[in-house]
Amino acid sequence: MAPPHTVISVVGSLNVDLVTRTSRVPAAGETLTSESFDIGFGGKGANQAVACARLSRTHSQAIEGRPADVEVRMVGAVGEDQFADDFLKSLQGDGLNISNIQRLPNQKTGVAVIIVESQTGENRILFSPGANYAVPADNLLQDDTDVALFQLELPTDVVLRNMKEARDRGIDTILNPAPAFTLPDDAYQGLNHLIMNETEATILSGISQSNSWDEIASIFVQKGVENVIITLGAEGVYYQSAYRQVQSDTAKLISAKKVEVVDTTAAGDTFVGGYAVAVARSKAASKRDAFDIDAAIDFANRAASKAVQKKGAQSAIPWLDEVPGI
């Protein structure tokens, strides 16, 4: 008997990552010899799609081509350049459906230049969008999509149109608003899941981080978001839910897993991917009350804690059987 089948469509960016590791970031006008340089594949969209794919199957399932209970589709664009073929091949190797990735003529594949401080694991990123900003503002979601996951590295009109299309069709919709900028209020109306870090939460809410997370999250709940999740790094994850029936249980802070941090590049995208997989699996139960937000955050937390212990972006994202406690 085939496993219950749900579809996650990740509408987002695909970038080649040019990663330099250094003991510290050079000052203006200064030249430093770096510790290492690597070329990898990334983009918040592709990273989150890889996270969804890996966190919904074991490594052996992917190698052997055995079906998983979640199908993950990457939706976006690459250019006609030397990076594109290897990128698409890599995504297929992670078990992704790439049939909705457009290869656009006269465009270059997006590039992210990443500087990682080896002593702290913190990163700084410069993003050159390339083909990502040439994605047309069309309906990009296939009819059988169960969960749609968005970020903000594609043109805003593309994202907002497809978010509205998803909500209108009853597709569970997740937004990770990165990079953060002010969105119209109707972008939040009927949004099922909003996942932000603390900086993004303050930018989008328009109020200082010195205010309580209760106050900041309430702004988005009042605008129509069902579940607001704010990742707080080492402090853990805060959430507020409009769906909970018990008032005292609508908000909660869940502690982070304590691990040795090597590189934080993949942490946020791994968390979002793990959370999206939990949403998709709840859809397979065919009833909304099957979704357990505490369990979803716990799973996403454990996956992210594994990712920060390795270098890189997609290369650091764990498979399901590598997540602690699985």
Protein backbone atom coordinates (compact mmCIF):
# COMPACT_ATOMS: atom_id res chain seq x y z
CA MET A 1 0.00 0.00 0.00
CA ALA A 2 1.42 3.40 -1.01
CA PRO A 3 2.04 5.91 1.80
CA PRO A 4 -0.31 8.93 2.15
CA HIS A 5 0.86 11.45 -0.44
CA THR A 6 1.02 15.20 0.02
CA VAL A 7 2.68 17.83 -2.17
CA ILE A 8 4.78 20.77 -1.00
CA SER A 9 5.46 23.41 -3.66
CA VAL A 10 8.32 25.73 -2.76
CA VAL A 11 8.10 28.95 -4.78
CA GLY A 12 11.42 30.70 -4.42
CA SER A 13 14.96 31.52 -5.39
CA LEU A 14 17.77 29.36 -6.72
CA ASN A 15 21.29 30.72 -6.23
CA VAL A 16 24.81 29.47 -6.58
CA ASP A 17 26.64 30.09 -3.30
CA LEU A 18 30.21 31.41 -3.42
CA VAL A 19 31.36 30.87 0.16
CA THR A 20 34.49 32.31 1.75
CA ARG A 21 35.47 31.38 5.31
CA THR A 22 37.58 33.86 7.24
CA SER A 23 38.68 34.44 10.84
CA ARG A 24 37.08 37.89 10.66
CA VAL A 25 35.51 40.23 8.13
CA PRO A 26 38.07 42.61 6.57
CA ALA A 27 37.77 46.32 7.26
CA ALA A 28 37.23 48.82 4.44
CA GLY A 29 40.27 48.84 2.18
CA GLU A 30 41.82 45.80 3.88
CA THR A 31 42.81 42.54 2.18
CA LEU A 32 42.80 39.29 4.17
CA THR A 33 43.82 35.79 3.16
CA SER A 34 40.77 33.58 3.63
CA GLU A 35 40.76 30.15 5.23
CA SER A 36 38.81 28.48 2.41
CA PHE A 37 36.55 28.99 -0.59
CA ASP A 38 33.73 26.75 -1.82
CA ILE A 39 31.04 26.78 -4.50
CA GLY A 40 27.69 25.33 -3.50
CA PHE A 41 23.99 25.60 -4.26
CA GLY A 42 21.58 27.74 -2.31
CA GLY A 43 18.96 30.44 -2.42
CA LYS A 44 16.36 30.51 0.33
CA GLY A 45 13.83 28.82 -1.93
CA ALA A 46 16.13 25.99 -3.01
CA ASN A 47 17.52 25.57 0.51
CA GLN A 48 14.04 25.22 1.96
CA ALA A 49 13.00 22.85 -0.81
CA VAL A 50 16.04 20.65 -0.12
CA ALA A 51 15.22 20.79 3.59
CA CYS A 52 11.64 19.67 2.87
CA ALA A 53 12.88 16.82 0.68
CA ARG A 54 15.59 15.57 3.05
CA LEU A 55 13.44 15.90 6.18
CA SER A 56 10.63 13.86 4.64
CA ARG A 57 12.78 10.84 3.73
CA THR A 58 15.87 8.95 4.76
CA HIS A 59 19.08 9.16 2.74
CA SER A 60 18.67 5.55 1.64
CA GLN A 61 15.17 6.29 0.35
CA ALA A 62 16.57 9.01 -1.89
CA ILE A 63 19.50 6.91 -3.13
CA GLU A 64 17.26 3.95 -3.93
CA GLY A 65 14.51 6.12 -5.44
CA ARG A 66 11.90 4.80 -3.02
CA PRO A 67 8.81 7.01 -2.64
CA ALA A 68 8.30 9.15 0.43
CA ASP A 69 5.01 10.34 1.90
CA VAL A 70 5.77 13.92 0.82
CA GLU A 71 6.55 15.08 -2.72
CA VAL A 72 8.53 18.31 -2.88
CA ARG A 73 8.44 20.51 -5.99
CA MET A 74 10.84 23.37 -6.55
CA VAL A 75 9.24 26.28 -8.44
CA GLY A 76 11.54 29.00 -9.76
CA ALA A 77 14.11 29.78 -12.45
CA VAL A 78 17.75 29.37 -13.40
CA GLY A 79 19.69 30.93 -16.26
CA GLU A 80 21.43 29.59 -19.31
CA ASP A 81 24.94 29.34 -17.88
CA GLN A 82 27.48 26.86 -16.57
CA PHE A 83 25.89 26.70 -13.13
CA ALA A 84 22.40 25.59 -14.13
CA ASP A 85 22.96 21.96 -15.18
CA ASP A 86 24.87 21.01 -12.04
CA PHE A 87 22.32 22.82 -9.88
CA LEU A 88 19.35 20.92 -11.35
CA LYS A 89 21.19 17.61 -11.11
CA SER A 90 21.93 18.28 -7.44
CA LEU A 91 18.28 19.01 -6.68
CA GLN A 92 17.19 15.80 -8.37
CA GLY A 93 19.70 13.91 -6.26
CA ASP A 94 17.96 15.21 -3.16
CA GLY A 95 14.66 13.78 -4.39
CA LEU A 96 13.12 17.01 -5.64
CA ASN A 97 10.69 17.33 -8.53
CA ILE A 98 12.32 19.99 -10.76
CA SER A 99 9.77 20.03 -13.60
CA ASN A 100 8.54 23.48 -12.50
CA ILE A 101 11.95 25.14 -12.63
CA GLN A 102 12.16 27.38 -15.70
CA ARG A 103 15.43 27.78 -17.57
CA LEU A 104 15.29 31.35 -18.85
CA PRO A 105 17.19 32.46 -21.97
CA ASN A 106 19.55 35.44 -21.74
CA GLN A 107 19.61 35.20 -17.96
CA LYS A 108 22.25 34.20 -15.44
CA THR A 109 21.53 31.91 -12.50
CA GLY A 110 21.30 33.84 -9.23
CA VAL A 111 24.46 34.12 -7.13
CA ALA A 112 24.98 34.64 -3.39
CA VAL A 113 28.38 35.73 -2.13
CA ILE A 114 28.69 34.53 1.47
CA ILE A 115 31.33 35.42 4.05
CA VAL A 116 31.40 33.16 7.11
CA GLU A 117 33.34 34.08 10.25
CA SER A 118 34.88 30.80 11.36
CA GLN A 119 35.18 31.76 15.03
CA THR A 120 31.47 32.50 15.50
CA GLY A 121 29.75 30.79 12.56
CA GLU A 122 27.96 34.06 11.72
CA ASN A 123 27.49 34.92 8.05
CA ARG A 124 27.09 37.94 5.76
CA ILE A 125 25.47 37.55 2.35
CA LEU A 126 25.33 39.58 -0.89
CA PHE A 127 22.60 38.44 -3.28
CA SER A 128 22.66 38.91 -7.08
CA PRO A 129 19.20 37.75 -8.24
CA GLY A 130 19.76 36.97 -11.93
CA ALA A 131 17.01 34.68 -13.28
CA ASN A 132 15.14 34.85 -9.98
CA TYR A 133 13.94 38.36 -10.80
CA ALA A 134 12.79 37.29 -14.27
CA VAL A 135 10.21 34.76 -13.01
CA PRO A 136 6.89 35.81 -14.60
CA ALA A 137 3.96 36.86 -12.41
CA ASP A 138 1.84 33.86 -13.43
CA ASN A 139 0.03 31.21 -11.43
CA LEU A 140 2.90 28.85 -10.58
CA LEU A 141 1.06 26.31 -8.40
CA GLN A 142 -0.22 23.02 -9.75
CA ASP A 143 -3.72 21.88 -8.84
CA ASP A 144 -2.66 19.09 -6.48
CA THR A 145 -0.48 21.28 -4.24
CA ASP A 146 -1.28 20.78 -0.54
CA VAL A 147 1.26 23.14 1.03
CA ALA A 148 2.80 26.23 -0.60
CA LEU A 149 5.97 27.73 0.86
CA PHE A 150 7.18 31.23 -0.04
CA GLN A 151 10.05 33.61 0.76
CA LEU A 152 10.78 37.11 -0.58
CA GLU A 153 13.74 36.53 -2.92
CA LEU A 154 11.47 36.55 -6.01
CA PRO A 155 9.74 39.68 -7.34
CA THR A 156 7.09 40.84 -4.87
CA ASP A 157 4.25 40.68 -7.41
CA VAL A 158 5.10 37.03 -8.15
CA VAL A 159 5.05 36.13 -4.47
CA LEU A 160 1.89 38.05 -3.57
CA ARG A 161 -0.07 36.75 -6.56
CA ASN A 162 0.79 33.14 -5.83
CA MET A 163 0.19 33.51 -2.10
CA LYS A 164 -3.30 34.82 -2.85
CA GLU A 165 -3.88 32.02 -5.34
CA ALA A 166 -2.84 29.47 -2.72
CA ARG A 167 -5.11 30.90 -0.03
CA ASP A 168 -8.05 31.19 -2.43
CA ARG A 169 -7.67 27.50 -3.29
CA GLY A 170 -7.45 26.38 0.33
CA ILE A 171 -3.77 25.43 0.10
CA ASP A 172 -1.94 25.65 3.44
CA THR A 173 0.31 28.66 2.95
CA ILE A 174 3.62 29.35 4.71
CA LEU A 175 5.58 32.60 4.38
CA ASN A 176 9.17 33.08 5.49
CA PRO A 177 9.53 36.84 4.81
CA ALA A 178 13.23 37.01 4.02
CA PRO A 179 14.72 39.36 3.13
CA ALA A 180 12.21 41.37 5.17
CA PHE A 181 10.44 44.47 3.91
CA THR A 182 7.01 45.98 4.53
CA LEU A 183 4.16 44.00 2.96
CA PRO A 184 0.55 45.10 2.37
CA ASP A 185 -1.89 44.05 5.09
CA ASP A 186 -3.81 41.77 2.74
CA ALA A 187 -0.68 39.60 2.38
CA TYR A 188 -1.37 38.38 5.91
CA GLN A 189 -5.12 37.86 5.66
CA GLY A 190 -5.81 34.12 5.81
CA LEU A 191 -2.08 33.25 5.95
CA ASN A 192 -1.73 29.93 7.75
CA HIS A 193 1.88 30.17 8.93
CA LEU A 194 4.29 33.12 9.22
CA ILE A 195 7.87 32.13 10.19
CA MET A 196 10.35 34.95 10.94
CA ASN A 197 13.53 35.54 12.86
CA GLU A 198 13.65 38.32 15.44
CA THR A 199 15.05 40.93 13.02
CA GLU A 200 12.43 40.17 10.39
CA ALA A 201 9.68 40.32 13.03
CA THR A 202 10.65 43.84 14.09
CA ILE A 203 11.00 45.08 10.50
CA LEU A 204 7.61 43.73 9.42
CA SER A 205 5.79 44.74 12.60
CA GLY A 206 7.29 48.22 12.60
CA ILE A 207 7.86 48.21 16.36
CA SER A 208 10.99 47.88 18.46
CA GLN A 209 12.39 44.55 19.59
CA SER A 210 12.29 45.99 23.10
CA ASN A 211 8.55 45.35 23.00
CA SER A 212 7.38 41.90 24.06
CA TRP A 213 7.14 39.11 21.49
CA ASP A 214 3.49 38.80 22.59
CA GLU A 215 2.83 42.32 21.37
CA ILE A 216 4.77 41.91 18.14
CA ALA A 217 3.15 38.57 17.23
CA SER A 218 -0.32 39.90 18.08
CA ILE A 219 0.02 42.46 15.29
CA PHE A 220 0.18 39.67 12.72
CA VAL A 221 -2.58 37.63 14.34
CA GLN A 222 -4.82 40.70 14.20
CA LYS A 223 -4.00 41.02 10.49
CA GLY A 224 -5.26 37.48 9.89
CA VAL A 225 -2.32 35.11 10.40
CA GLU A 226 -3.22 31.81 12.08
CA ASN A 227 0.23 30.83 13.42
CA VAL A 228 3.07 33.30 14.02
CA ILE A 229 6.47 31.72 14.69
CA ILE A 230 9.50 33.82 15.67
CA THR A 231 12.88 32.10 15.80
CA LEU A 232 15.18 33.59 18.46
CA GLY A 233 18.48 31.82 17.86
CA ALA A 234 19.96 30.42 21.05
CA GLU A 235 16.92 31.60 23.04
CA GLY A 236 14.60 29.24 21.19
CA VAL A 237 11.35 29.75 19.28
CA TYR A 238 8.35 31.86 20.25
CA TYR A 239 4.94 31.27 18.72
CA GLN A 240 1.46 32.69 18.98
CA SER A 241 -1.56 30.95 17.49
CA ALA A 242 -4.99 32.28 16.64
CA TYR A 243 -6.20 28.71 16.13
CA ARG A 244 -5.83 27.47 19.70
CA GLN A 245 -9.09 27.39 21.59
CA VAL A 246 -7.62 27.83 25.09
CA GLN A 247 -6.54 31.45 25.58
CA SER A 248 -3.70 30.62 28.00
CA ASP A 249 -2.25 28.21 25.45
CA THR A 250 -2.15 30.56 22.45
CA ALA A 251 1.47 31.65 22.97
CA LYS A 252 4.59 29.80 24.02
CA LEU A 253 8.40 29.93 24.07
CA ILE A 254 10.12 26.66 23.16
CA SER A 255 13.77 26.31 24.15
CA ALA A 256 16.51 25.80 21.57
CA LYS A 257 18.67 22.69 21.47
CA LYS A 258 22.14 23.34 22.95
CA VAL A 259 24.83 22.32 20.45
CA GLU A 260 28.25 23.47 19.25
CA VAL A 261 27.68 25.96 16.42
CA VAL A 262 29.94 25.68 13.36
CA ASP A 263 27.95 27.59 10.71
CA THR A 264 24.49 29.16 10.99
CA THR A 265 23.97 29.56 7.22
CA ALA A 266 21.45 26.72 6.88
CA ALA A 267 19.74 27.00 10.26
CA GLY A 268 16.74 29.14 9.33
CA ASP A 269 16.00 27.35 6.07
CA THR A 270 16.28 23.94 7.74
CA PHE A 271 13.83 25.05 10.44
CA VAL A 272 11.34 26.28 7.85
CA GLY A 273 11.66 23.08 5.81
CA GLY A 274 11.14 20.88 8.86
CA TYR A 275 8.08 22.88 9.87
CA ALA A 276 6.63 22.65 6.33
CA VAL A 277 7.05 18.86 6.35
CA ALA A 278 5.11 18.70 9.63
CA VAL A 279 2.33 20.78 8.07
CA ALA A 280 2.25 18.53 5.00
CA ARG A 281 2.01 15.38 7.09
CA SER A 282 -0.88 16.86 9.05
CA LYS A 283 -2.66 17.44 5.72
CA ALA A 284 -2.40 13.72 5.01
CA ALA A 285 -4.59 13.16 8.06
CA SER A 286 -7.32 15.10 6.20
CA LYS A 287 -8.27 17.22 9.19
CA ARG A 288 -6.87 20.49 10.50
CA ASP A 289 -6.89 19.43 14.15
CA ALA A 290 -4.23 16.86 13.27
CA PHE A 291 -1.65 19.69 13.15
CA ASP A 292 0.33 19.91 16.39
CA ILE A 293 2.30 23.17 16.33
CA ASP A 294 4.41 22.20 19.36
CA ALA A 295 5.48 18.96 17.69
CA ALA A 296 6.14 20.79 14.41
CA ILE A 297 8.40 23.33 16.11
CA ASP A 298 10.19 20.64 18.10
CA PHE A 299 10.94 18.67 14.93
CA ALA A 300 12.09 21.82 13.09
CA ASN A 301 14.26 22.79 16.08
CA ARG A 302 15.97 19.40 16.18
CA ALA A 303 16.65 19.52 12.45
CA ALA A 304 18.09 23.05 12.68
CA SER A 305 20.28 22.03 15.62
CA LYS A 306 21.84 19.36 13.41
CA ALA A 307 22.36 21.79 10.50
CA VAL A 308 24.39 24.34 12.51
CA GLN A 309 26.94 21.66 13.42
CA LYS A 310 28.16 21.44 9.78
CA LYS A 311 29.60 23.91 7.29
CA GLY A 312 27.65 25.12 4.26
CA ALA A 313 24.10 25.75 3.15
CA GLN A 314 22.43 22.80 1.40
CA SER A 315 25.35 20.55 2.32
CA ALA A 316 24.56 21.07 6.02
CA ILE A 317 20.85 20.19 5.82
CA PRO A 318 20.25 16.79 7.46
CA TRP A 319 18.28 13.83 6.16
CA LEU A 320 15.37 12.55 8.23
CA ASP A 321 17.41 9.73 9.77
CA GLU A 322 20.13 12.21 10.83
CA VAL A 323 17.78 14.33 12.97
CA PRO A 324 18.30 13.76 16.70
CA GLY A 325 15.49 11.82 18.32
CA ILE A 326 14.23 10.24 15.08
